[in-house]
PDB file of N, CA and C in Angstrom:
ATOM      1  N   MET A   1     109.565 178.312  53.786  1.00  0.00           N
ATOM      2  CA  MET A   1     108.147 178.567  53.823  1.00  0.00           C
ATOM      3  C   MET A   1     107.579 179.180  55.240  1.00  0.00           C
ATOM      4  N   SER A   2     106.454 179.741  55.256  1.00  0.00           N
ATOM      5  CA  SER A   2     106.283 180.134  56.767  1.00  0.00           C
ATOM      6  C   SER A   2     104.703 179.179  56.975  1.00  0.00           C
ATOM      7  N   LYS A   3     104.181 179.663  58.184  1.00  0.00           N
ATOM      8  CA  LYS A   3     103.367 178.640  58.568  1.00  0.00           C
ATOM      9  C   LYS A   3     101.930 179.899  58.944  1.00  0.00           C
ATOM     10  N   ARG A   4     100.710 179.594  58.542  1.00  0.00           N
ATOM     11  CA  ARG A   4      99.526 179.889  58.782  1.00  0.00           C
ATOM     12  C   ARG A   4      98.817 179.283  59.935  1.00  0.00           C
ATOM     13  N   ILE A   5      98.776 180.097  61.242  1.00  0.00           N
ATOM     14  CA  ILE A   5      98.075 179.346  62.193  1.00  0.00           C
ATOM     15  C   ILE A   5      96.912 179.788  62.427  1.00  0.00           C
ATOM     16  N   ILE A   6      95.748 178.950  62.423  1.00  0.00           N
ATOM     17  CA  ILE A   6      94.437 179.130  62.959  1.00  0.00           C
ATOM     18  C   ILE A   6      94.459 178.600  64.302  1.00  0.00           C
ATOM     19  N   LEU A   7      93.751 179.442  65.275  1.00  0.00           N
ATOM     20  CA  LEU A   7      93.485 179.287  66.584  1.00  0.00           C
ATOM     21  C   LEU A   7      91.920 178.882  66.843  1.00  0.00           C
ATOM     22  N   GLY A   8      91.526 178.070  67.499  1.00  0.00           N
ATOM     23  CA  GLY A   8      90.027 177.647  67.708  1.00  0.00           C
ATOM     24  C   GLY A   8      89.912 177.738  69.270  1.00  0.00           C
ATOM     25  N   VAL A   9      89.100 178.773  69.761  1.00  0.00           N
ATOM     26  CA  VAL A   9      89.027 179.293  71.199  1.00  0.00           C
ATOM     27  C   VAL A   9      87.611 178.941  71.345  1.00  0.00           C
ATOM     28  N   ASN A  10      87.678 177.868  72.224  1.00  0.00           N
ATOM     29  CA  ASN A  10      86.221 177.576  72.716  1.00  0.00           C
ATOM     30  C   ASN A  10      86.171 178.150  74.319  1.00  0.00           C
ATOM     31  N   ILE A  11      84.981 178.916  74.408  1.00  0.00           N
ATOM     32  CA  ILE A  11      84.666 179.461  75.646  1.00  0.00           C
ATOM     33  C   ILE A  11      83.290 178.840  76.078  1.00  0.00           C
ATOM     34  N   SER A  12      83.640 177.999  77.393  1.00  0.00           N
ATOM     35  CA  SER A  12      82.610 177.521  78.097  1.00  0.00           C
ATOM     36  C   SER A  12      81.450 178.135  78.669  1.00  0.00           C
ATOM     37  N   ALA A  13      81.993 179.466  79.220  1.00  0.00           N
ATOM     38  CA  ALA A  13      81.120 180.165  80.088  1.00  0.00           C
ATOM     39  C   ALA A  13      81.347 181.556  79.472  1.00  0.00           C
ATOM     40  N   ARG A  14      80.610 181.862  78.204  1.00  0.00           N
ATOM     41  CA  ARG A  14      80.671 182.730  77.379  1.00  0.00           C
ATOM     42  C   ARG A  14      80.244 184.136  78.312  1.00  0.00           C
ATOM     43  N   THR A  15      79.491 184.315  79.149  1.00  0.00           N
ATOM     44  CA  THR A  15      79.045 185.804  79.610  1.00  0.00           C
ATOM     45  C   THR A  15      80.008 186.122  80.684  1.00  0.00           C
ATOM     46  N   GLN A  16      80.777 185.242  81.316  1.00  0.00           N
ATOM     47  CA  GLN A  16      82.030 185.380  82.336  1.00  0.00           C
ATOM     48  C   GLN A  16      83.213 185.668  81.717  1.00  0.00           C
ATOM     49  N   ALA A  17      83.310 184.819  80.642  1.00  0.00           N
ATOM     50  CA  ALA A  17      84.772 185.038  79.997  1.00  0.00           C
ATOM     51  C   ALA A  17      85.122 186.334  79.175  1.00  0.00           C
ATOM     52  N   VAL A  18      83.992 186.352  78.381  1.00  0.00           N
ATOM     53  CA  VAL A  18      84.340 187.429  77.522  1.00  0.00           C
ATOM     54  C   VAL A  18      84.898 188.458  77.669  1.00  0.00           C
ATOM     55  N   PRO A  19      84.693 189.332  78.785  1.00  0.00           N
ATOM     56  CA  PRO A  19      85.437 190.508  78.997  1.00  0.00           C
ATOM     57  C   PRO A  19      86.925 190.452  78.958  1.00  0.00           C
ATOM     58  N   ASN A  20      87.454 189.466  79.653  1.00  0.00           N
ATOM     59  CA  ASN A  20      88.640 189.032  79.436  1.00  0.00           C
ATOM     60  C   ASN A  20      89.235 188.574  78.331  1.00  0.00           C
ATOM     61  N   VAL A  21      88.468 187.717  77.570  1.00  0.00           N
ATOM     62  CA  VAL A  21      88.927 187.574  76.100  1.00  0.00           C
ATOM     63  C   VAL A  21      89.014 188.801  74.904  1.00  0.00           C
ATOM     64  N   GLN A  22      88.084 189.423  75.451  1.00  0.00           N
ATOM     65  CA  GLN A  22      88.115 190.691  74.450  1.00  0.00           C
ATOM     66  C   GLN A  22      89.387 191.389  74.651  1.00  0.00           C
ATOM     67  N   THR A  23      89.881 191.653  76.161  1.00  0.00           N
ATOM     68  CA  THR A  23      91.070 192.297  76.545  1.00  0.00           C
ATOM     69  C   THR A  23      92.096 191.873  75.893  1.00  0.00           C
ATOM     70  N   VAL A  24      92.188 190.504  75.652  1.00  0.00           N
ATOM     71  CA  VAL A  24      93.327 189.803  75.097  1.00  0.00           C
ATOM     72  C   VAL A  24      93.458 189.847  73.813  1.00  0.00           C
ATOM     73  N   LEU A  25      91.918 189.724  73.133  1.00  0.00           N
ATOM     74  CA  LEU A  25      92.009 189.995  71.456  1.00  0.00           C
ATOM     75  C   LEU A  25      92.253 191.555  71.271  1.00  0.00           C
ATOM     76  N   THR A  26      92.203 192.457  71.969  1.00  0.00           N
ATOM     77  CA  THR A  26      92.411 193.674  71.616  1.00  0.00           C
ATOM     78  C   THR A  26      94.109 194.021  71.880  1.00  0.00           C
ATOM     79  N   GLN A  27      94.509 193.662  72.865  1.00  0.00           N
ATOM     80  CA  GLN A  27      95.836 193.563  73.175  1.00  0.00           C
ATOM     81  C   GLN A  27      96.854 192.824  71.944  1.00  0.00           C
ATOM     82  N   PHE A  28      96.307 191.912  71.188  1.00  0.00           N
ATOM     83  CA  PHE A  28      96.861 191.143  70.003  1.00  0.00           C
ATOM     84  C   PHE A  28      95.873 191.527  68.860  1.00  0.00           C
ATOM     85  N   GLY A  29      95.401 192.510  68.649  1.00  0.00           N
ATOM     86  CA  GLY A  29      94.467 192.831  67.581  1.00  0.00           C
ATOM     87  C   GLY A  29      95.278 192.984  66.322  1.00  0.00           C
ATOM     88  N   CYS A  30      96.681 193.610  66.376  1.00  0.00           N
ATOM     89  CA  CYS A  30      97.437 193.491  65.022  1.00  0.00           C
ATOM     90  C   CYS A  30      97.749 192.023  64.716  1.00  0.00           C
ATOM     91  N   ASN A  31      97.852 191.097  65.411  1.00  0.00           N
ATOM     92  CA  ASN A  31      98.167 189.696  65.173  1.00  0.00           C
ATOM     93  C   ASN A  31      97.106 188.715  64.526  1.00  0.00           C
ATOM     94  N   ILE A  32      95.700 189.278  64.470  1.00  0.00           N
ATOM     95  CA  ILE A  32      94.497 188.436  64.176  1.00  0.00           C
ATOM     96  C   ILE A  32      94.218 189.374  62.935  1.00  0.00           C
ATOM     97  N   ARG A  33      94.069 188.223  61.496  1.00  0.00           N
ATOM     98  CA  ARG A  33      93.577 188.888  60.184  1.00  0.00           C
ATOM     99  C   ARG A  33      92.184 188.732  60.273  1.00  0.00           C
ATOM    100  N   THR A  34      91.642 187.474  60.767  1.00  0.00           N
ATOM    101  CA  THR A  34      90.210 187.197  60.960  1.00  0.00           C
ATOM    102  C   THR A  34      89.558 186.569  62.080  1.00  0.00           C
ATOM    103  N   ARG A  35      88.455 187.023  62.462  1.00  0.00           N
ATOM    104  CA  ARG A  35      87.984 186.758  63.563  1.00  0.00           C
ATOM    105  C   ARG A  35      86.460 186.084  63.345  1.00  0.00           C
ATOM    106  N   LEU A  36      86.112 184.973  63.807  1.00  0.00           N
ATOM    107  CA  LEU A  36      84.582 184.546  63.493  1.00  0.00           C
ATOM    108  C   LEU A  36      84.250 183.789  64.873  1.00  0.00           C
ATOM    109  N   GLY A  37      83.183 184.700  65.383  1.00  0.00           N
ATOM    110  CA  GLY A  37      82.586 184.226  66.810  1.00  0.00           C
ATOM    111  C   GLY A  37      81.203 183.156  66.322  1.00  0.00           C
ATOM    112  N   LEU A  38      81.174 182.214  66.855  1.00  0.00           N
ATOM    113  CA  LEU A  38      79.913 181.145  66.585  1.00  0.00           C
ATOM    114  C   LEU A  38      79.438 180.690  67.959  1.00  0.00           C
ATOM    115  N   HIS A  39      78.120 181.033  68.183  1.00  0.00           N
ATOM    116  CA  HIS A  39      77.245 180.460  69.300  1.00  0.00           C
ATOM    117  C   HIS A  39      75.792 180.076  68.772  1.00  0.00           C
ATOM    118  N   GLU A  40      75.530 179.288  69.573  1.00  0.00           N
ATOM    119  CA  GLU A  40      73.802 178.616  69.339  1.00  0.00           C
ATOM    120  C   GLU A  40      73.109 179.717  69.861  1.00  0.00           C
ATOM    121  N   ALA A  41      71.975 180.418  68.951  1.00  0.00           N
ATOM    122  CA  ALA A  41      70.980 181.237  69.376  1.00  0.00           C
ATOM    123  C   ALA A  41      69.897 180.926  68.714  1.00  0.00           C
ATOM    124  N   THR A  42      68.571 181.014  69.639  1.00  0.00           N
ATOM    125  CA  THR A  42      67.367 180.439  69.004  1.00  0.00           C
ATOM    126  C   THR A  42      66.300 181.405  69.687  1.00  0.00           C
ATOM    127  N   ASP A  43      65.126 181.370  69.384  1.00  0.00           N
ATOM    128  CA  ASP A  43      64.121 182.492  69.738  1.00  0.00           C
ATOM    129  C   ASP A  43      64.224 182.114  71.490  1.00  0.00           C
ATOM    130  N   GLY A  44      64.434 183.147  72.020  1.00  0.00           N
ATOM    131  CA  GLY A  44      64.272 183.111  73.617  1.00  0.00           C
ATOM    132  C   GLY A  44      65.500 182.377  74.203  1.00  0.00           C
ATOM    133  N   SER A  45      66.419 181.741  73.488  1.00  0.00           N
ATOM    134  CA  SER A  45      67.448 181.313  74.012  1.00  0.00           C
ATOM    135  C   SER A  45      69.044 181.461  73.300  1.00  0.00           C
ATOM    136  N   CYS A  46      69.779 181.439  74.119  1.00  0.00           N
ATOM    137  CA  CYS A  46      71.305 181.972  73.604  1.00  0.00           C
ATOM    138  C   CYS A  46      72.228 180.899  74.484  1.00  0.00           C
ATOM    139  N   ALA A  47      72.827 180.315  74.034  1.00  0.00           N
ATOM    140  CA  ALA A  47      73.920 179.218  74.617  1.00  0.00           C
ATOM    141  C   ALA A  47      74.893 180.040  75.462  1.00  0.00           C
ATOM    142  N   PRO A  48      75.246 179.398  76.657  1.00  0.00           N
ATOM    143  CA  PRO A  48      76.110 179.749  77.199  1.00  0.00           C
ATOM    144  C   PRO A  48      77.802 179.824  77.118  1.00  0.00           C
ATOM    145  N   GLY A  49      77.844 178.946  75.606  1.00  0.00           N
ATOM    146  CA  GLY A  49      79.202 178.792  75.208  1.00  0.00           C
ATOM    147  C   GLY A  49      79.332 179.192  73.843  1.00  0.00           C
ATOM    148  N   GLY A  50      80.570 179.374  73.296  1.00  0.00           N
ATOM    149  CA  GLY A  50      80.626 180.004  71.969  1.00  0.00           C
ATOM    150  C   GLY A  50      81.922 179.264  71.526  1.00  0.00           C
ATOM    151  N   LEU A  51      82.449 179.608  70.373  1.00  0.00           N
ATOM    152  CA  LEU A  51      83.455 179.339  69.687  1.00  0.00           C
ATOM    153  C   LEU A  51      83.874 180.419  68.718  1.00  0.00           C
ATOM    154  N   LEU A  52      85.317 180.718  69.148  1.00  0.00           N
ATOM    155  CA  LEU A  52      85.841 181.783  68.223  1.00  0.00           C
ATOM    156  C   LEU A  52      87.383 181.126  67.272  1.00  0.00           C
ATOM    157  N   ILE A  53      86.979 181.342  66.070  1.00  0.00           N
ATOM    158  CA  ILE A  53      88.010 181.100  64.882  1.00  0.00           C
ATOM    159  C   ILE A  53      88.842 182.192  64.699  1.00  0.00           C
ATOM    160  N   LEU A  54      90.294 182.316  65.327  1.00  0.00           N
ATOM    161  CA  LEU A  54      91.216 183.459  64.804  1.00  0.00           C
ATOM    162  C   LEU A  54      92.161 182.690  63.592  1.00  0.00           C
ATOM    163  N   ASP A  55      92.345 183.394  62.553  1.00  0.00           N
ATOM    164  CA  ASP A  55      93.200 183.549  61.745  1.00  0.00           C
ATOM    165  C   ASP A  55      94.283 184.455  61.881  1.00  0.00           C
ATOM    166  N   THR A  56      95.593 184.169  62.434  1.00  0.00           N
ATOM    167  CA  THR A  56      96.678 184.829  62.949  1.00  0.00           C
ATOM    168  C   THR A  56      97.483 185.415  61.955  1.00  0.00           C
ATOM    169  N   TYR A  57      98.366 186.257  62.289  1.00  0.00           N
ATOM    170  CA  TYR A  57      99.246 186.948  61.751  1.00  0.00           C
ATOM    171  C   TYR A  57     100.461 187.365  62.653  1.00  0.00           C
ATOM    172  N   GLY A  58     101.488 187.053  62.124  1.00  0.00           N
ATOM    173  CA  GLY A  58     103.012 187.293  63.076  1.00  0.00           C
ATOM    174  C   GLY A  58     103.769 185.983  63.097  1.00  0.00           C
ATOM    175  N   ASP A  59     104.798 186.235  64.138  1.00  0.00           N
ATOM    176  CA  ASP A  59     105.643 185.037  64.151  1.00  0.00           C
ATOM    177  C   ASP A  59     105.247 183.888  65.314  1.00  0.00           C
ATOM    178  N   GLU A  60     105.753 182.743  65.275  1.00  0.00           N
ATOM    179  CA  GLU A  60     105.050 181.701  66.079  1.00  0.00           C
ATOM    180  C   GLU A  60     105.002 182.034  67.798  1.00  0.00           C
ATOM    181  N   ALA A  61     106.155 182.944  67.917  1.00  0.00           N
ATOM    182  CA  ALA A  61     106.189 183.098  69.577  1.00  0.00           C
ATOM    183  C   ALA A  61     105.067 184.043  69.758  1.00  0.00           C
ATOM    184  N   THR A  62     104.812 185.214  68.914  1.00  0.00           N
ATOM    185  CA  THR A  62     103.652 186.089  69.309  1.00  0.00           C
ATOM    186  C   THR A  62     102.407 185.351  69.157  1.00  0.00           C
ATOM    187  N   VAL A  63     102.040 184.155  68.291  1.00  0.00           N
ATOM    188  CA  VAL A  63     100.858 183.752  68.438  1.00  0.00           C
ATOM    189  C   VAL A  63     100.821 182.790  69.700  1.00  0.00           C
ATOM    190  N   GLY A  64     101.880 182.399  69.775  1.00  0.00           N
ATOM    191  CA  GLY A  64     101.887 181.310  71.100  1.00  0.00           C
ATOM    192  C   GLY A  64     101.451 182.461  72.329  1.00  0.00           C
ATOM    193  N   LYS A  65     101.863 183.532  72.540  1.00  0.00           N
ATOM    194  CA  LYS A  65     101.655 184.231  73.441  1.00  0.00           C
ATOM    195  C   LYS A  65     100.394 184.773  73.675  1.00  0.00           C
ATOM    196  N   LEU A  66      99.734 184.940  72.590  1.00  0.00           N
ATOM    197  CA  LEU A  66      98.143 185.080  72.172  1.00  0.00           C
ATOM    198  C   LEU A  66      97.420 183.680  72.887  1.00  0.00           C
ATOM    199  N   ALA A  67      97.848 182.476  72.547  1.00  0.00           N
ATOM    200  CA  ALA A  67      97.224 181.409  72.691  1.00  0.00           C
ATOM    201  C   ALA A  67      97.156 181.062  74.041  1.00  0.00           C
ATOM    202  N   SER A  68      98.588 181.102  74.892  1.00  0.00           N
ATOM    203  CA  SER A  68      98.503 181.288  76.336  1.00  0.00           C
ATOM    204  C   SER A  68      97.900 182.298  77.044  1.00  0.00           C
ATOM    205  N   ALA A  69      97.648 183.325  76.518  1.00  0.00           N
ATOM    206  CA  ALA A  69      96.786 184.399  77.236  1.00  0.00           C
ATOM    207  C   ALA A  69      95.475 184.183  77.401  1.00  0.00           C
ATOM    208  N   LEU A  70      95.032 183.683  76.326  1.00  0.00           N
ATOM    209  CA  LEU A  70      93.738 183.261  75.999  1.00  0.00           C
ATOM    210  C   LEU A  70      93.498 182.009  76.935  1.00  0.00           C
ATOM    211  N   GLU A  71      94.216 180.981  76.830  1.00  0.00           N
ATOM    212  CA  GLU A  71      94.232 179.831  77.657  1.00  0.00           C
ATOM    213  C   GLU A  71      94.495 180.009  79.383  1.00  0.00           C
ATOM    214  N   ALA A  72      94.900 181.286  79.736  1.00  0.00           N
ATOM    215  CA  ALA A  72      95.007 181.434  81.194  1.00  0.00           C
ATOM    216  C   ALA A  72      93.470 181.929  81.682  1.00  0.00           C
ATOM    217  N   ILE A  73      92.532 182.246  80.637  1.00  0.00           N
ATOM    218  CA  ILE A  73      91.425 182.509  81.003  1.00  0.00           C
ATOM    219  C   ILE A  73      90.637 181.467  81.675  1.00  0.00           C
ATOM    220  N   GLU A  74      90.065 181.687  82.664  1.00  0.00           N
ATOM    221  CA  GLU A  74      89.007 180.290  83.405  1.00  0.00           C
ATOM    222  C   GLU A  74      87.848 180.089  82.416  1.00  0.00           C
ATOM    223  N   GLY A  75      87.507 178.820  81.774  1.00  0.00           N
ATOM    224  CA  GLY A  75      86.512 178.360  80.886  1.00  0.00           C
ATOM    225  C   GLY A  75      87.045 178.863  79.473  1.00  0.00           C
ATOM    226  N   VAL A  76      88.231 178.881  79.251  1.00  0.00           N
ATOM    227  CA  VAL A  76      88.513 179.135  77.820  1.00  0.00           C
ATOM    228  C   VAL A  76      89.687 177.917  77.165  1.00  0.00           C
ATOM    229  N   GLU A  77      89.496 177.150  76.333  1.00  0.00           N
ATOM    230  CA  GLU A  77      89.997 176.125  75.796  1.00  0.00           C
ATOM    231  C   GLU A  77      90.638 176.545  74.369  1.00  0.00           C
ATOM    232  N   VAL A  78      92.269 176.474  73.989  1.00  0.00           N
ATOM    233  CA  VAL A  78      92.650 176.918  72.747  1.00  0.00           C
ATOM    234  C   VAL A  78      93.069 175.502  72.004  1.00  0.00           C
ATOM    235  N   ARG A  79      92.898 175.482  71.036  1.00  0.00           N
ATOM    236  CA  ARG A  79      93.525 174.614  69.976  1.00  0.00           C
ATOM    237  C   ARG A  79      94.007 174.957  68.672  1.00  0.00           C
ATOM    238  N   LYS A  80      94.905 174.582  68.508  1.00  0.00           N
ATOM    239  CA  LYS A  80      95.586 175.201  67.062  1.00  0.00           C
ATOM    240  C   LYS A  80      95.857 174.143  66.126  1.00  0.00           C
ATOM    241  N   MET A  81      95.700 175.044  64.698  1.00  0.00           N
ATOM    242  CA  MET A  81      95.853 174.377  63.504  1.00  0.00           C
ATOM    243  C   MET A  81      96.774 175.047  62.543  1.00  0.00           C
ATOM    244  N   GLU A  82      97.933 174.423  62.105  1.00  0.00           N
ATOM    245  CA  GLU A  82      98.979 175.009  61.321  1.00  0.00           C
ATOM    246  C   GLU A  82      99.096 174.345  59.922  1.00  0.00           C
ATOM    247  N   PHE A  83      99.181 175.349  58.899  1.00  0.00           N
ATOM    248  CA  PHE A  83      99.103 174.881  57.543  1.00  0.00           C
ATOM    249  C   PHE A  83     100.663 175.807  57.146  1.00  0.00           C
ATOM    250  N   GLU A  84     101.328 174.737  56.411  1.00  0.00           N
ATOM    251  CA  GLU A  84     102.721 175.198  55.850  1.00  0.00           C
ATOM    252  C   GLU A  84     102.100 175.850  54.386  1.00  0.00           C
ATOM    253  N   ARG A  85     102.791 177.177  54.129  1.00  0.00           N
ATOM    254  CA  ARG A  85     102.387 177.954  52.710  1.00  0.00           C
ATOM    255  C   ARG A  85     104.083 178.388  52.357  1.00  0.00           C
ATOM    256  N   GLN A  86     103.728 178.630  51.073  1.00  0.00           N
ATOM    257  CA  GLN A  86     104.780 179.262  50.319  1.00  0.00           C
ATOM    258  C   GLN A  86     104.724 180.843  50.339  1.00  0.00           C
ATOM    259  N   ASN A  87     106.084 181.437  50.574  1.00  0.00           N
ATOM    260  CA  ASN A  87     105.779 182.959  50.643  1.00  0.00           C
ATOM    261  C   ASN A  87     105.705 183.539  49.221  1.00  0.00           C
TER     262      ASN A  87
END
């Protein structure tokens, strides 16, 4: 069995952290199957924070490096979900 690993990435200061987050996501681009970005937006207002959901691909060590690289960015918090699956 292998694991499917989903990373939840909470970005508290989106405008400051995003350039560094984007650099990490580009670096690990081949290890991200799906990327979903969420933030609150209304007429005349855009929330300072945001949430990324990453469906990852690759071995656990590489996904761990991705998570660590994101967590090293100020204002970024990462949580991991793991699901067992049949090959």
